[in-house]
């Protein structure tokens, strides 16, 4: 079994057969064929992609049909920044014990 990439979310090693349009990581359940897991992904660039011919993909964490997709081994974010922001916002508005 030769792995060709890793899950962009949990870093589990993935086989070529696990990068289909409808496939998800067996460890975390996240879609595997996504911008976040692509070799060409770069958040600092327009469309977050090094390939300037690629079509715009709005949700970088959901499966798409990009013809330029190439599995990445190295790009594994600590956790999704939007998830961190959501948790921080929830913490601000969380009700504390006691009455109003």
C-alpha atoms as a PDB file:
ATOM      1  CA  UNK A   1       0.000   0.000   0.000  1.00  0.00           C
ATOM      2  CA  UNK A   2       1.566   3.242  -1.140  1.00  0.00           C
ATOM      3  CA  UNK A   3       0.187   6.439   0.305  1.00  0.00           C
ATOM      4  CA  UNK A   4       0.222   9.492  -1.934  1.00  0.00           C
ATOM      5  CA  UNK A   5      -0.981  12.171   0.453  1.00  0.00           C
ATOM      6  CA  UNK A   6      -2.449  12.910   3.830  1.00  0.00           C
ATOM      7  CA  UNK A   7      -5.743  14.205   5.149  1.00  0.00           C
ATOM      8  CA  UNK A   8      -5.677  17.998   5.264  1.00  0.00           C
ATOM      9  CA  UNK A   9      -7.486  17.960   8.616  1.00  0.00           C
ATOM     10  CA  UNK A  10      -6.147  15.059  10.709  1.00  0.00           C
ATOM     11  CA  UNK A  11      -2.966  14.084   8.786  1.00  0.00           C
ATOM     12  CA  UNK A  12      -4.013  10.437   8.252  1.00  0.00           C
ATOM     13  CA  UNK A  13      -2.090   8.992   5.300  1.00  0.00           C
ATOM     14  CA  UNK A  14      -4.287   8.396   2.239  1.00  0.00           C
ATOM     15  CA  UNK A  15      -4.128   6.115  -0.786  1.00  0.00           C
ATOM     16  CA  UNK A  16      -4.893   7.220  -4.348  1.00  0.00           C
ATOM     17  CA  UNK A  17      -8.186   5.310  -4.134  1.00  0.00           C
ATOM     18  CA  UNK A  18      -9.273   7.563  -1.222  1.00  0.00           C
ATOM     19  CA  UNK A  19      -9.284  10.751  -3.296  1.00  0.00           C
ATOM     20  CA  UNK A  20     -12.539  10.268  -5.200  1.00  0.00           C
ATOM     21  CA  UNK A  21     -15.120  13.055  -5.486  1.00  0.00           C
ATOM     22  CA  UNK A  22     -17.334  11.423  -2.835  1.00  0.00           C
ATOM     23  CA  UNK A  23     -14.602  10.043  -0.583  1.00  0.00           C
ATOM     24  CA  UNK A  24     -13.956  11.126   2.965  1.00  0.00           C
ATOM     25  CA  UNK A  25     -11.222  10.408   5.483  1.00  0.00           C
ATOM     26  CA  UNK A  26     -11.881   7.271   7.502  1.00  0.00           C
ATOM     27  CA  UNK A  27     -10.365   8.921  10.572  1.00  0.00           C
ATOM     28  CA  UNK A  28     -12.062  12.348  10.763  1.00  0.00           C
ATOM     29  CA  UNK A  29     -14.821  12.128   8.135  1.00  0.00           C
ATOM     30  CA  UNK A  30     -13.693  15.202   6.189  1.00  0.00           C
ATOM     31  CA  UNK A  31     -13.831  15.234   2.372  1.00  0.00           C
ATOM     32  CA  UNK A  32     -10.469  14.289   0.864  1.00  0.00           C
ATOM     33  CA  UNK A  33     -10.565  15.797  -2.651  1.00  0.00           C
ATOM     34  CA  UNK A  34     -10.631  19.414  -1.504  1.00  0.00           C
ATOM     35  CA  UNK A  35      -8.591  22.573  -2.014  1.00  0.00           C
ATOM     36  CA  UNK A  36      -7.239  22.397   1.549  1.00  0.00           C
ATOM     37  CA  UNK A  37      -5.685  19.008   0.744  1.00  0.00           C
ATOM     38  CA  UNK A  38      -4.218  20.018  -2.608  1.00  0.00           C
ATOM     39  CA  UNK A  39      -0.546  20.548  -3.398  1.00  0.00           C
ATOM     40  CA  UNK A  40      -1.465  23.833  -5.153  1.00  0.00           C
ATOM     41  CA  UNK A  41      -3.421  25.317  -2.217  1.00  0.00           C
ATOM     42  CA  UNK A  42      -2.005  28.621  -0.976  1.00  0.00           C
ATOM     43  CA  UNK A  43      -4.263  30.867   1.114  1.00  0.00           C
ATOM     44  CA  UNK A  44      -2.130  33.926   0.280  1.00  0.00           C
ATOM     45  CA  UNK A  45      -2.975  33.783  -3.441  1.00  0.00           C
ATOM     46  CA  UNK A  46      -6.047  34.779  -5.460  1.00  0.00           C
ATOM     47  CA  UNK A  47      -8.540  31.904  -5.247  1.00  0.00           C
ATOM     48  CA  UNK A  48      -6.075  30.338  -2.748  1.00  0.00           C
ATOM     49  CA  UNK A  49      -4.504  28.413  -5.611  1.00  0.00           C
ATOM     50  CA  UNK A  50      -1.074  28.410  -7.256  1.00  0.00           C
ATOM     51  CA  UNK A  51      -2.721  27.260 -10.510  1.00  0.00           C
ATOM     52  CA  UNK A  52      -4.037  30.447 -12.137  1.00  0.00           C
ATOM     53  CA  UNK A  53      -6.183  28.501 -14.646  1.00  0.00           C
ATOM     54  CA  UNK A  54      -8.253  26.801 -11.908  1.00  0.00           C
ATOM     55  CA  UNK A  55     -11.895  27.764 -11.535  1.00  0.00           C
ATOM     56  CA  UNK A  56     -12.958  29.603  -8.392  1.00  0.00           C
ATOM     57  CA  UNK A  57     -13.940  27.234  -5.580  1.00  0.00           C
ATOM     58  CA  UNK A  58     -15.916  28.923  -2.819  1.00  0.00           C
ATOM     59  CA  UNK A  59     -15.769  26.255  -0.104  1.00  0.00           C
ATOM     60  CA  UNK A  60     -12.178  25.024   0.143  1.00  0.00           C
ATOM     61  CA  UNK A  61     -13.163  22.233   2.582  1.00  0.00           C
ATOM     62  CA  UNK A  62     -15.755  20.485   0.371  1.00  0.00           C
ATOM     63  CA  UNK A  63     -15.182  18.096  -2.543  1.00  0.00           C
ATOM     64  CA  UNK A  64     -14.983  19.707  -5.963  1.00  0.00           C
ATOM     65  CA  UNK A  65     -14.279  18.859  -9.603  1.00  0.00           C
ATOM     66  CA  UNK A  66     -10.995  20.760 -10.054  1.00  0.00           C
ATOM     67  CA  UNK A  67      -8.887  19.247 -12.839  1.00  0.00           C
ATOM     68  CA  UNK A  68      -5.681  20.513 -11.211  1.00  0.00           C
ATOM     69  CA  UNK A  69      -6.118  18.656  -7.896  1.00  0.00           C
ATOM     70  CA  UNK A  70      -2.932  16.955  -6.706  1.00  0.00           C
ATOM     71  CA  UNK A  71      -2.826  15.359  -3.236  1.00  0.00           C
ATOM     72  CA  UNK A  72      -0.590  17.062  -0.709  1.00  0.00           C
ATOM     73  CA  UNK A  73       1.513  15.360   1.960  1.00  0.00           C
ATOM     74  CA  UNK A  74       2.779  18.415   3.746  1.00  0.00           C
ATOM     75  CA  UNK A  75       0.034  20.954   4.204  1.00  0.00           C
ATOM     76  CA  UNK A  76      -1.839  20.108   7.391  1.00  0.00           C
ATOM     77  CA  UNK A  77      -3.296  23.107   9.241  1.00  0.00           C
ATOM     78  CA  UNK A  78      -3.394  22.964  13.043  1.00  0.00           C
ATOM     79  CA  UNK A  79      -7.149  23.352  12.733  1.00  0.00           C
ATOM     80  CA  UNK A  80      -9.414  25.299  10.433  1.00  0.00           C
ATOM     81  CA  UNK A  81      -9.196  29.019  11.275  1.00  0.00           C
ATOM     82  CA  UNK A  82     -12.953  29.500  10.780  1.00  0.00           C
ATOM     83  CA  UNK A  83     -13.507  26.786  13.407  1.00  0.00           C
ATOM     84  CA  UNK A  84     -11.212  28.631  15.815  1.00  0.00           C
ATOM     85  CA  UNK A  85     -13.109  31.894  15.227  1.00  0.00           C
ATOM     86  CA  UNK A  86     -16.468  30.201  15.750  1.00  0.00           C
ATOM     87  CA  UNK A  87     -15.328  28.670  19.052  1.00  0.00           C
ATOM     88  CA  UNK A  88     -13.975  32.035  20.201  1.00  0.00           C
ATOM     89  CA  UNK A  89     -17.265  33.767  19.353  1.00  0.00           C
ATOM     90  CA  UNK A  90     -19.266  31.083  21.143  1.00  0.00           C
ATOM     91  CA  UNK A  91     -17.070  31.598  24.198  1.00  0.00           C
ATOM     92  CA  UNK A  92     -17.839  35.320  24.206  1.00  0.00           C
ATOM     93  CA  UNK A  93     -21.597  34.808  24.155  1.00  0.00           C
ATOM     94  CA  UNK A  94     -21.804  31.767  26.408  1.00  0.00           C
ATOM     95  CA  UNK A  95     -24.136  32.279  29.339  1.00  0.00           C
ATOM     96  CA  UNK A  96     -22.458  32.163  32.712  1.00  0.00           C
ATOM     97  CA  UNK A  97     -24.028  30.495  35.755  1.00  0.00           C
ATOM     98  CA  UNK A  98     -26.557  32.482  37.766  1.00  0.00           C
ATOM     99  CA  UNK A  99     -29.643  34.512  36.864  1.00  0.00           C
ATOM    100  CA  UNK A 100     -30.022  37.485  34.557  1.00  0.00           C
END
